[in-house]
């Protein structure tokens, strides 16, 4: 597997926000989002056992598999290796590629709002839905996807403080008008941590 990085921090978004976690960022993505804040092209080749051993070096039970798009590489061998080491596996995915069985938590973060039908998710269920909101485009109807624990709207980070403030205000107003959504902030950026 091609691994971009493995590091230890706090989950900064969604349901597990503030939870200590090991992050395994796999290289590569099948989409080209205009707001992507991650360079996920480079990486080091590692076996599933090497990845699981690296994740086991930290005390947190939660391992977040992310990318790019982790479903391009994630397999049941890595899932099983992490479980054998007592880890709980969360995956952050755009949902366009099926995932292997055994994942403990699925964060579906679809990008079809920005990229159209070719980026429409194929997953039928997830634990949480996290939609990046730019203040202009309304979130698509994802009622056909079974979401077990919450729908989160996350203000898009444009890198421009004034634009970000406007998007955050629009996000708050949208959630007030549509209370089935919850606010997700990128607390790792607010706290300036990885």
N, C-alpha and C. Protein backbone atom coordinates (compact mmCIF):
# COMPACT_ATOMS: atom_id res chain seq x y z
N UNK A 1 0.85 -1.18 0.00
CA UNK A 1 0.00 0.00 0.00
C UNK A 1 0.90 1.24 0.00
N UNK A 2 0.43 2.27 -0.68
CA UNK A 2 1.18 3.53 -0.71
C UNK A 2 0.61 4.46 0.37
N UNK A 3 1.44 4.80 1.34
CA UNK A 3 1.02 5.58 2.50
C UNK A 3 1.65 6.97 2.42
N UNK A 4 0.81 7.97 2.49
CA UNK A 4 1.27 9.35 2.45
C UNK A 4 1.90 9.73 3.79
N UNK A 5 1.21 9.40 4.90
CA UNK A 5 1.73 9.69 6.23
C UNK A 5 0.93 8.95 7.29
N UNK A 6 1.57 8.74 8.43
CA UNK A 6 0.92 8.20 9.62
C UNK A 6 1.31 9.12 10.76
N UNK A 7 0.31 9.63 11.48
CA UNK A 7 0.61 10.55 12.59
C UNK A 7 -0.44 10.43 13.67
N UNK A 8 -0.15 11.01 14.83
CA UNK A 8 -1.02 10.93 16.00
C UNK A 8 -1.50 12.33 16.35
N UNK A 9 -2.81 12.49 16.52
CA UNK A 9 -3.36 13.81 16.82
C UNK A 9 -4.75 13.65 17.41
N UNK A 10 -5.57 14.68 17.27
CA UNK A 10 -6.97 14.64 17.64
C UNK A 10 -7.81 14.70 16.38
N UNK A 11 -8.91 13.94 16.37
CA UNK A 11 -9.84 14.07 15.25
C UNK A 11 -10.42 15.47 15.29
N UNK A 12 -10.36 16.17 14.19
CA UNK A 12 -10.77 17.57 14.18
C UNK A 12 -12.16 17.83 13.64
N UNK A 13 -12.85 16.80 13.17
CA UNK A 13 -14.12 17.02 12.48
C UNK A 13 -15.16 15.97 12.86
N UNK A 14 -16.42 16.36 12.74
CA UNK A 14 -17.52 15.41 12.85
C UNK A 14 -17.77 14.85 14.24
N UNK A 15 -18.37 13.68 14.28
CA UNK A 15 -18.84 13.04 15.51
C UNK A 15 -17.72 12.81 16.53
N UNK A 16 -16.55 12.40 16.07
CA UNK A 16 -15.44 12.08 16.98
C UNK A 16 -14.50 13.27 17.22
N UNK A 17 -14.98 14.46 16.92
CA UNK A 17 -14.15 15.65 17.10
C UNK A 17 -13.61 15.73 18.53
N UNK A 18 -12.31 15.95 18.63
CA UNK A 18 -11.66 16.04 19.93
C UNK A 18 -11.12 14.73 20.46
N UNK A 19 -11.37 13.62 19.76
CA UNK A 19 -10.92 12.30 20.18
C UNK A 19 -9.50 12.02 19.69
N UNK A 20 -8.63 11.52 20.57
CA UNK A 20 -7.28 11.14 20.15
C UNK A 20 -7.38 10.01 19.13
N UNK A 21 -6.56 10.12 18.07
CA UNK A 21 -6.62 9.13 17.00
C UNK A 21 -5.29 9.05 16.27
N UNK A 22 -5.03 7.87 15.74
CA UNK A 22 -3.92 7.66 14.81
C UNK A 22 -4.48 7.86 13.42
N UNK A 23 -3.83 8.68 12.62
CA UNK A 23 -4.27 8.95 11.26
C UNK A 23 -3.36 8.22 10.28
N UNK A 24 -3.97 7.43 9.42
CA UNK A 24 -3.25 6.76 8.34
C UNK A 24 -3.78 7.36 7.04
N UNK A 25 -2.96 8.21 6.43
CA UNK A 25 -3.36 8.86 5.19
C UNK A 25 -2.79 8.06 4.01
N UNK A 26 -3.69 7.42 3.27
CA UNK A 26 -3.28 6.66 2.10
C UNK A 26 -3.17 7.60 0.90
N UNK A 27 -2.25 7.30 0.02
CA UNK A 27 -2.01 8.15 -1.16
C UNK A 27 -3.05 7.90 -2.23
N UNK A 28 -3.30 8.94 -3.01
CA UNK A 28 -4.15 8.84 -4.18
C UNK A 28 -5.59 9.21 -3.93
N UNK A 29 -6.23 9.71 -5.01
CA UNK A 29 -7.65 10.04 -4.96
C UNK A 29 -8.22 9.91 -6.37
N UNK A 30 -9.49 9.57 -6.43
CA UNK A 30 -10.17 9.46 -7.71
C UNK A 30 -10.92 10.72 -8.09
N UNK A 31 -10.89 11.74 -7.23
CA UNK A 31 -11.55 13.01 -7.50
C UNK A 31 -10.54 14.15 -7.44
N UNK A 32 -10.94 15.28 -7.96
CA UNK A 32 -10.08 16.47 -7.97
C UNK A 32 -10.89 17.65 -7.45
N UNK A 33 -11.05 17.70 -6.12
CA UNK A 33 -11.89 18.73 -5.50
C UNK A 33 -11.16 20.07 -5.51
N UNK A 34 -11.86 21.15 -5.84
CA UNK A 34 -11.21 22.46 -5.93
C UNK A 34 -10.72 23.00 -4.60
N UNK A 35 -11.25 22.50 -3.49
CA UNK A 35 -10.89 23.01 -2.16
C UNK A 35 -10.00 22.07 -1.38
N UNK A 36 -9.52 21.00 -2.00
CA UNK A 36 -8.74 19.99 -1.28
C UNK A 36 -7.53 20.63 -0.60
N UNK A 37 -7.36 20.33 0.69
CA UNK A 37 -6.27 20.92 1.47
C UNK A 37 -5.18 19.89 1.80
N UNK A 38 -5.17 18.77 1.07
CA UNK A 38 -4.23 17.69 1.37
C UNK A 38 -3.45 17.29 0.13
N UNK A 39 -2.13 17.24 0.26
CA UNK A 39 -1.30 16.69 -0.81
C UNK A 39 -1.18 15.20 -0.55
N UNK A 40 -1.93 14.42 -1.30
CA UNK A 40 -2.01 12.98 -1.05
C UNK A 40 -1.38 12.17 -2.18
N UNK A 41 -0.53 12.80 -3.00
CA UNK A 41 0.05 12.10 -4.15
C UNK A 41 1.27 11.27 -3.78
N UNK A 42 2.15 11.80 -2.96
CA UNK A 42 3.38 11.09 -2.61
C UNK A 42 3.11 10.03 -1.54
N UNK A 43 4.09 9.15 -1.38
CA UNK A 43 3.92 8.17 -0.34
C UNK A 43 5.03 7.15 -0.31
N UNK A 44 4.96 6.33 0.72
CA UNK A 44 5.93 5.26 0.95
C UNK A 44 5.19 3.93 0.88
N UNK A 45 5.76 2.96 0.19
CA UNK A 45 5.14 1.64 0.12
C UNK A 45 5.32 0.92 1.46
N UNK A 46 4.22 0.44 2.01
CA UNK A 46 4.23 -0.28 3.28
C UNK A 46 3.27 -1.46 3.17
N UNK A 47 3.59 -2.54 3.87
CA UNK A 47 2.66 -3.67 3.94
C UNK A 47 1.56 -3.34 4.96
N UNK A 48 0.50 -4.11 4.90
CA UNK A 48 -0.59 -3.93 5.86
C UNK A 48 -0.10 -4.15 7.29
N UNK A 49 0.78 -5.13 7.49
CA UNK A 49 1.31 -5.38 8.83
C UNK A 49 2.19 -4.23 9.31
N UNK A 50 2.97 -3.64 8.42
CA UNK A 50 3.79 -2.48 8.80
C UNK A 50 2.92 -1.30 9.20
N UNK A 51 1.85 -1.08 8.46
CA UNK A 51 0.93 0.01 8.79
C UNK A 51 0.29 -0.24 10.15
N UNK A 52 -0.18 -1.46 10.38
CA UNK A 52 -0.82 -1.79 11.66
C UNK A 52 0.16 -1.67 12.82
N UNK A 53 1.42 -2.09 12.61
CA UNK A 53 2.44 -1.93 13.66
C UNK A 53 2.69 -0.47 13.96
N UNK A 54 2.75 0.36 12.93
CA UNK A 54 2.97 1.80 13.14
C UNK A 54 1.81 2.40 13.93
N UNK A 55 0.58 2.02 13.59
CA UNK A 55 -0.59 2.54 14.31
C UNK A 55 -0.61 2.06 15.76
N UNK A 56 -0.12 0.86 16.00
CA UNK A 56 -0.12 0.29 17.35
C UNK A 56 0.88 0.97 18.28
N UNK A 57 1.77 1.79 17.73
CA UNK A 57 2.77 2.47 18.55
C UNK A 57 2.16 3.57 19.43
N UNK A 58 0.94 4.01 19.14
CA UNK A 58 0.29 5.05 19.93
C UNK A 58 -0.85 4.46 20.75
N UNK A 59 -1.19 5.10 21.89
CA UNK A 59 -2.16 4.49 22.80
C UNK A 59 -3.62 4.60 22.39
N UNK A 60 -3.97 5.48 21.47
CA UNK A 60 -5.38 5.65 21.10
C UNK A 60 -5.93 4.41 20.43
N UNK A 61 -7.17 4.09 20.74
CA UNK A 61 -7.82 2.94 20.12
C UNK A 61 -8.28 3.28 18.70
N UNK A 62 -8.64 4.53 18.46
CA UNK A 62 -9.20 4.93 17.17
C UNK A 62 -8.11 5.15 16.13
N UNK A 63 -8.27 4.50 14.96
CA UNK A 63 -7.40 4.72 13.81
C UNK A 63 -8.28 5.24 12.68
N UNK A 64 -7.94 6.42 12.17
CA UNK A 64 -8.70 7.04 11.09
C UNK A 64 -7.94 6.80 9.79
N UNK A 65 -8.56 6.07 8.87
CA UNK A 65 -7.99 5.83 7.55
C UNK A 65 -8.57 6.90 6.63
N UNK A 66 -7.68 7.69 6.04
CA UNK A 66 -8.12 8.81 5.23
C UNK A 66 -7.24 8.90 3.99
N UNK A 67 -7.36 9.97 3.26
CA UNK A 67 -6.59 10.15 2.03
C UNK A 67 -6.54 11.61 1.67
N UNK A 68 -6.62 11.87 0.44
CA UNK A 68 -7.17 11.27 -0.75
C UNK A 68 -8.41 10.44 -0.49
N UNK A 69 -8.51 9.39 -1.28
CA UNK A 69 -9.62 8.45 -1.15
C UNK A 69 -9.10 7.10 -0.71
N UNK A 70 -9.31 6.74 0.57
CA UNK A 70 -8.74 5.51 1.10
C UNK A 70 -9.30 4.24 0.45
N UNK A 71 -10.51 4.29 -0.08
CA UNK A 71 -11.11 3.09 -0.67
C UNK A 71 -10.37 2.60 -1.90
N UNK A 72 -9.50 3.43 -2.46
CA UNK A 72 -8.68 2.99 -3.59
C UNK A 72 -7.71 1.88 -3.18
N UNK A 73 -7.29 1.87 -1.89
CA UNK A 73 -6.31 0.89 -1.43
C UNK A 73 -6.76 0.04 -0.26
N UNK A 74 -7.65 0.56 0.56
CA UNK A 74 -8.04 -0.12 1.79
C UNK A 74 -8.58 -1.52 1.50
N UNK A 75 -8.11 -2.49 2.27
CA UNK A 75 -8.55 -3.87 2.06
C UNK A 75 -8.78 -4.57 3.40
N UNK A 76 -9.36 -5.76 3.34
CA UNK A 76 -9.68 -6.50 4.55
C UNK A 76 -8.43 -6.96 5.30
N UNK A 77 -7.31 -7.08 4.60
CA UNK A 77 -6.06 -7.47 5.28
C UNK A 77 -5.66 -6.41 6.29
N UNK A 78 -5.71 -5.12 5.90
CA UNK A 78 -5.38 -4.04 6.83
C UNK A 78 -6.42 -3.93 7.93
N UNK A 79 -7.69 -4.05 7.58
CA UNK A 79 -8.76 -4.00 8.59
C UNK A 79 -8.52 -5.07 9.65
N UNK A 80 -8.26 -6.30 9.22
CA UNK A 80 -8.02 -7.40 10.17
C UNK A 80 -6.75 -7.17 11.00
N UNK A 81 -5.69 -6.66 10.37
CA UNK A 81 -4.43 -6.42 11.09
C UNK A 81 -4.62 -5.38 12.18
N UNK A 82 -5.37 -4.33 11.90
CA UNK A 82 -5.64 -3.30 12.91
C UNK A 82 -6.52 -3.85 14.03
N UNK A 83 -7.53 -4.61 13.68
CA UNK A 83 -8.39 -5.21 14.71
C UNK A 83 -7.61 -6.14 15.63
N UNK A 84 -6.69 -6.91 15.07
CA UNK A 84 -5.87 -7.82 15.89
C UNK A 84 -5.03 -7.04 16.90
N UNK A 85 -4.74 -5.78 16.62
CA UNK A 85 -3.97 -4.95 17.54
C UNK A 85 -4.87 -4.11 18.44
N UNK A 86 -6.15 -4.43 18.48
CA UNK A 86 -7.09 -3.77 19.38
C UNK A 86 -7.54 -2.40 18.93
N UNK A 87 -7.41 -2.10 17.66
CA UNK A 87 -7.77 -0.79 17.16
C UNK A 87 -9.19 -0.79 16.61
N UNK A 88 -9.82 0.37 16.68
CA UNK A 88 -11.14 0.61 16.11
C UNK A 88 -10.93 1.45 14.87
N UNK A 89 -11.51 1.05 13.74
CA UNK A 89 -11.20 1.66 12.45
C UNK A 89 -12.32 2.57 11.99
N UNK A 90 -11.94 3.83 11.74
CA UNK A 90 -12.84 4.80 11.12
C UNK A 90 -12.27 5.14 9.75
N UNK A 91 -13.14 5.29 8.78
CA UNK A 91 -12.72 5.64 7.42
C UNK A 91 -13.44 6.91 7.00
N UNK A 92 -12.68 7.82 6.40
CA UNK A 92 -13.26 9.03 5.80
C UNK A 92 -13.20 8.85 4.29
N UNK A 93 -14.38 8.77 3.65
CA UNK A 93 -14.45 8.44 2.24
C UNK A 93 -15.41 9.36 1.49
N UNK A 94 -15.15 9.53 0.19
CA UNK A 94 -16.10 10.28 -0.63
C UNK A 94 -17.26 9.38 -1.06
N UNK A 95 -17.16 8.08 -0.80
CA UNK A 95 -18.26 7.16 -1.01
C UNK A 95 -18.46 6.68 -2.43
N UNK A 96 -17.54 6.99 -3.33
CA UNK A 96 -17.71 6.58 -4.73
C UNK A 96 -17.20 5.18 -5.02
N UNK A 97 -16.52 4.56 -4.04
CA UNK A 97 -15.94 3.22 -4.21
C UNK A 97 -16.37 2.38 -3.00
N UNK A 98 -16.85 1.16 -3.22
CA UNK A 98 -17.24 0.32 -2.08
C UNK A 98 -16.06 0.08 -1.13
N UNK A 99 -16.39 -0.13 0.14
CA UNK A 99 -15.40 -0.36 1.18
C UNK A 99 -15.39 -1.83 1.59
N UNK A 100 -14.26 -2.32 2.13
CA UNK A 100 -14.25 -3.70 2.64
C UNK A 100 -15.11 -3.82 3.90
N UNK A 101 -15.48 -5.03 4.22
CA UNK A 101 -16.26 -5.30 5.44
C UNK A 101 -15.38 -5.09 6.67
N UNK A 102 -16.04 -4.89 7.82
CA UNK A 102 -15.35 -4.86 9.10
C UNK A 102 -14.96 -3.49 9.60
N UNK A 103 -15.26 -2.44 8.85
CA UNK A 103 -14.92 -1.08 9.30
C UNK A 103 -15.90 -0.69 10.41
N UNK A 104 -15.36 -0.10 11.47
CA UNK A 104 -16.18 0.22 12.64
C UNK A 104 -16.97 1.51 12.51
N UNK A 105 -16.46 2.47 11.74
CA UNK A 105 -17.11 3.78 11.60
C UNK A 105 -16.83 4.31 10.21
N UNK A 106 -17.88 4.69 9.49
CA UNK A 106 -17.73 5.26 8.15
C UNK A 106 -18.22 6.69 8.16
N UNK A 107 -17.30 7.60 7.81
CA UNK A 107 -17.66 8.99 7.59
C UNK A 107 -17.76 9.18 6.09
N UNK A 108 -18.97 9.44 5.63
CA UNK A 108 -19.21 9.69 4.21
C UNK A 108 -19.16 11.19 3.98
N UNK A 109 -18.20 11.61 3.15
CA UNK A 109 -18.06 13.02 2.81
C UNK A 109 -18.14 13.16 1.29
N UNK A 110 -19.37 13.14 0.75
CA UNK A 110 -19.53 13.17 -0.70
C UNK A 110 -19.12 14.52 -1.29
N UNK A 111 -18.67 14.46 -2.53
CA UNK A 111 -18.20 15.68 -3.21
C UNK A 111 -19.01 15.99 -4.47
N UNK A 112 -20.15 15.32 -4.66
CA UNK A 112 -20.95 15.57 -5.85
C UNK A 112 -21.54 16.97 -5.89
N UNK A 113 -21.63 17.62 -4.75
CA UNK A 113 -22.08 19.01 -4.70
C UNK A 113 -21.21 19.89 -5.59
N UNK A 114 -19.92 19.57 -5.64
CA UNK A 114 -18.96 20.38 -6.40
C UNK A 114 -18.57 19.75 -7.73
N UNK A 115 -18.64 18.42 -7.81
CA UNK A 115 -18.11 17.73 -8.99
C UNK A 115 -19.16 17.03 -9.84
N UNK A 116 -20.42 17.06 -9.43
CA UNK A 116 -21.49 16.51 -10.25
C UNK A 116 -21.71 15.02 -10.08
N UNK A 117 -22.49 14.46 -11.00
CA UNK A 117 -22.95 13.07 -10.92
C UNK A 117 -21.82 12.06 -10.90
N UNK A 118 -20.71 12.36 -11.54
CA UNK A 118 -19.60 11.41 -11.57
C UNK A 118 -19.02 11.17 -10.17
N UNK A 119 -19.29 12.07 -9.24
CA UNK A 119 -18.80 11.94 -7.86
C UNK A 119 -19.91 11.52 -6.90
N UNK A 120 -21.05 11.12 -7.43
CA UNK A 120 -22.16 10.72 -6.56
C UNK A 120 -21.80 9.45 -5.79
N UNK A 121 -22.07 9.42 -4.48
CA UNK A 121 -21.70 8.26 -3.67
C UNK A 121 -22.49 7.01 -4.05
N UNK A 122 -21.82 5.86 -3.92
CA UNK A 122 -22.46 4.56 -4.16
C UNK A 122 -22.78 3.84 -2.85
N UNK A 123 -22.27 4.34 -1.74
CA UNK A 123 -22.54 3.69 -0.45
C UNK A 123 -24.01 3.85 -0.08
N UNK A 124 -24.60 2.80 0.46
CA UNK A 124 -26.00 2.83 0.87
C UNK A 124 -26.17 3.25 2.32
N UNK A 125 -25.07 3.21 3.11
CA UNK A 125 -25.16 3.52 4.53
C UNK A 125 -23.81 4.03 5.03
N UNK A 126 -23.87 4.82 6.09
CA UNK A 126 -22.67 5.33 6.76
C UNK A 126 -23.05 5.70 8.19
N UNK A 127 -22.04 5.86 9.02
CA UNK A 127 -22.31 6.27 10.40
C UNK A 127 -22.58 7.76 10.49
N UNK A 128 -21.83 8.55 9.71
CA UNK A 128 -22.09 9.98 9.68
C UNK A 128 -21.92 10.49 8.26
N UNK A 129 -22.66 11.56 7.96
CA UNK A 129 -22.57 12.25 6.69
C UNK A 129 -21.95 13.61 6.98
N UNK A 130 -20.88 13.94 6.25
CA UNK A 130 -20.21 15.23 6.45
C UNK A 130 -20.09 15.91 5.09
N UNK A 131 -20.82 17.01 4.92
CA UNK A 131 -20.85 17.72 3.65
C UNK A 131 -20.13 19.05 3.80
N UNK A 132 -19.17 19.30 2.91
CA UNK A 132 -18.49 20.59 2.86
C UNK A 132 -19.45 21.59 2.22
N UNK A 133 -19.65 22.72 2.88
CA UNK A 133 -20.63 23.73 2.45
C UNK A 133 -19.92 25.01 2.09
N UNK A 134 -20.20 25.53 0.89
CA UNK A 134 -19.55 26.76 0.44
C UNK A 134 -20.42 27.99 0.58
N UNK A 135 -21.62 27.83 1.15
CA UNK A 135 -22.51 28.96 1.35
C UNK A 135 -23.34 29.30 0.12
N UNK A 136 -23.04 28.67 -1.01
CA UNK A 136 -23.78 28.95 -2.25
C UNK A 136 -24.61 27.76 -2.70
N UNK A 137 -23.97 26.60 -2.79
CA UNK A 137 -24.63 25.40 -3.30
C UNK A 137 -25.34 24.67 -2.15
N UNK A 138 -26.60 24.39 -2.32
CA UNK A 138 -27.34 23.67 -1.29
C UNK A 138 -26.96 22.20 -1.30
N UNK A 139 -26.87 21.57 -0.14
CA UNK A 139 -26.52 20.15 -0.10
C UNK A 139 -27.54 19.31 -0.88
N UNK A 140 -27.07 18.34 -1.66
CA UNK A 140 -28.00 17.43 -2.35
C UNK A 140 -28.82 16.64 -1.34
N UNK A 141 -29.87 16.03 -1.83
CA UNK A 141 -30.71 15.18 -0.99
C UNK A 141 -30.05 13.81 -0.85
N UNK A 142 -29.60 13.51 0.36
CA UNK A 142 -28.96 12.22 0.63
C UNK A 142 -29.88 11.32 1.45
N UNK A 143 -31.19 11.55 1.37
CA UNK A 143 -32.12 10.77 2.19
C UNK A 143 -32.14 9.29 1.80
N UNK A 144 -31.64 8.95 0.62
CA UNK A 144 -31.58 7.55 0.19
C UNK A 144 -30.43 6.79 0.85
N UNK A 145 -29.54 7.52 1.55
CA UNK A 145 -28.41 6.89 2.24
C UNK A 145 -28.76 6.81 3.74
N UNK A 146 -28.66 5.63 4.30
CA UNK A 146 -28.95 5.43 5.73
C UNK A 146 -27.79 5.99 6.55
N UNK A 147 -28.05 7.04 7.31
CA UNK A 147 -27.04 7.67 8.16
C UNK A 147 -27.40 7.36 9.60
N UNK A 148 -26.52 6.65 10.30
CA UNK A 148 -26.84 6.15 11.63
C UNK A 148 -26.68 7.18 12.76
N UNK A 149 -25.74 8.12 12.64
CA UNK A 149 -25.44 8.95 13.81
C UNK A 149 -25.44 10.46 13.58
N UNK A 150 -25.59 10.96 12.41
CA UNK A 150 -25.67 12.41 12.28
C UNK A 150 -25.26 12.92 10.91
N UNK A 151 -25.84 14.07 10.59
CA UNK A 151 -25.55 14.78 9.35
C UNK A 151 -24.86 16.08 9.72
N UNK A 152 -23.63 16.25 9.21
CA UNK A 152 -22.82 17.40 9.57
C UNK A 152 -22.57 18.27 8.35
N UNK A 153 -22.68 19.57 8.56
CA UNK A 153 -22.35 20.55 7.53
C UNK A 153 -21.09 21.26 7.99
N UNK A 154 -20.09 21.27 7.12
CA UNK A 154 -18.78 21.83 7.48
C UNK A 154 -18.45 23.00 6.56
N UNK A 155 -18.24 24.19 7.13
CA UNK A 155 -17.89 25.33 6.29
C UNK A 155 -16.60 25.07 5.51
N UNK A 156 -16.64 25.39 4.22
CA UNK A 156 -15.48 25.20 3.36
C UNK A 156 -14.39 26.20 3.73
N UNK A 157 -13.17 25.71 3.87
CA UNK A 157 -12.02 26.57 4.15
C UNK A 157 -11.41 27.00 2.82
N UNK A 158 -11.56 28.28 2.49
CA UNK A 158 -11.05 28.81 1.22
C UNK A 158 -9.65 29.37 1.33
N UNK A 159 -9.16 29.50 2.59
CA UNK A 159 -7.86 30.15 2.79
C UNK A 159 -7.97 31.66 2.90
N UNK A 160 -9.17 32.20 2.74
CA UNK A 160 -9.41 33.64 2.81
C UNK A 160 -10.29 33.90 4.04
N UNK A 161 -9.75 34.63 5.02
CA UNK A 161 -10.45 34.82 6.30
C UNK A 161 -11.82 35.47 6.12
N UNK A 162 -11.93 36.47 5.27
CA UNK A 162 -13.22 37.14 5.07
C UNK A 162 -14.22 36.20 4.41
N UNK A 163 -13.79 35.49 3.41
CA UNK A 163 -14.69 34.53 2.73
C UNK A 163 -15.07 33.41 3.69
N UNK A 164 -14.12 32.92 4.49
CA UNK A 164 -14.42 31.87 5.46
C UNK A 164 -15.46 32.32 6.48
N UNK A 165 -15.36 33.58 6.92
CA UNK A 165 -16.33 34.10 7.89
C UNK A 165 -17.73 34.15 7.27
N UNK A 166 -17.82 34.54 6.02
CA UNK A 166 -19.11 34.58 5.34
C UNK A 166 -19.69 33.18 5.16
N UNK A 167 -18.83 32.23 4.80
CA UNK A 167 -19.29 30.85 4.64
C UNK A 167 -19.74 30.28 5.98
N UNK A 168 -18.99 30.56 7.05
CA UNK A 168 -19.38 30.08 8.38
C UNK A 168 -20.74 30.64 8.79
N UNK A 169 -20.96 31.93 8.53
CA UNK A 169 -22.25 32.55 8.86
C UNK A 169 -23.38 31.92 8.05
N UNK A 170 -23.14 31.67 6.78
CA UNK A 170 -24.14 31.04 5.92
C UNK A 170 -24.43 29.61 6.39
N UNK A 171 -23.40 28.92 6.86
CA UNK A 171 -23.57 27.55 7.35
C UNK A 171 -24.45 27.54 8.59
N UNK A 172 -24.19 28.46 9.51
CA UNK A 172 -25.00 28.57 10.73
C UNK A 172 -26.46 28.84 10.38
N UNK A 173 -26.69 29.76 9.46
CA UNK A 173 -28.07 30.10 9.08
C UNK A 173 -28.75 28.91 8.40
N UNK A 174 -28.03 28.19 7.57
CA UNK A 174 -28.61 27.03 6.91
C UNK A 174 -29.01 25.97 7.94
N UNK A 175 -28.14 25.72 8.92
CA UNK A 175 -28.45 24.72 9.94
C UNK A 175 -29.64 25.16 10.80
N UNK A 176 -29.72 26.44 11.10
CA UNK A 176 -30.87 26.93 11.87
C UNK A 176 -32.18 26.70 11.11
N UNK A 177 -32.12 26.81 9.78
CA UNK A 177 -33.31 26.60 8.95
C UNK A 177 -33.55 25.11 8.65
N UNK A 178 -32.50 24.30 8.80
CA UNK A 178 -32.58 22.87 8.51
C UNK A 178 -31.94 22.11 9.68
N UNK A 179 -32.66 21.99 10.81
CA UNK A 179 -32.06 21.47 12.04
C UNK A 179 -31.70 19.99 12.02
N UNK A 180 -31.95 19.30 10.91
CA UNK A 180 -31.47 17.91 10.81
C UNK A 180 -29.96 17.86 10.64
N UNK A 181 -29.36 19.02 10.32
CA UNK A 181 -27.90 19.13 10.17
C UNK A 181 -27.28 19.61 11.46
N UNK A 182 -26.02 19.24 11.68
CA UNK A 182 -25.21 19.73 12.80
C UNK A 182 -23.97 20.40 12.24
N UNK A 183 -23.39 21.30 12.99
CA UNK A 183 -22.19 22.01 12.57
C UNK A 183 -20.94 21.19 12.86
N UNK A 184 -20.06 21.08 11.87
CA UNK A 184 -18.75 20.47 12.06
C UNK A 184 -17.70 21.52 11.75
N UNK A 185 -16.86 21.81 12.71
CA UNK A 185 -15.75 22.75 12.51
C UNK A 185 -14.45 21.97 12.44
N UNK A 186 -13.50 22.48 11.71
CA UNK A 186 -12.19 21.83 11.63
C UNK A 186 -11.34 22.33 12.80
N UNK A 187 -11.55 21.71 13.97
CA UNK A 187 -10.89 22.22 15.18
C UNK A 187 -9.38 22.07 15.12
N UNK A 188 -8.88 21.14 14.33
CA UNK A 188 -7.43 21.02 14.20
C UNK A 188 -6.84 22.27 13.55
N UNK A 189 -7.60 22.92 12.66
CA UNK A 189 -7.13 24.17 12.06
C UNK A 189 -7.27 25.32 13.04
N UNK A 190 -8.35 25.33 13.80
CA UNK A 190 -8.56 26.38 14.81
C UNK A 190 -7.47 26.32 15.87
N UNK A 191 -7.09 25.11 16.29
CA UNK A 191 -6.08 24.92 17.33
C UNK A 191 -4.66 24.90 16.76
N UNK A 192 -4.54 24.90 15.43
CA UNK A 192 -3.25 24.84 14.75
C UNK A 192 -2.45 23.60 15.17
N UNK A 193 -3.14 22.45 15.06
CA UNK A 193 -2.48 21.16 15.28
C UNK A 193 -2.64 20.32 14.02
N UNK A 194 -1.91 19.25 13.91
CA UNK A 194 -2.09 18.37 12.75
C UNK A 194 -3.40 17.67 12.79
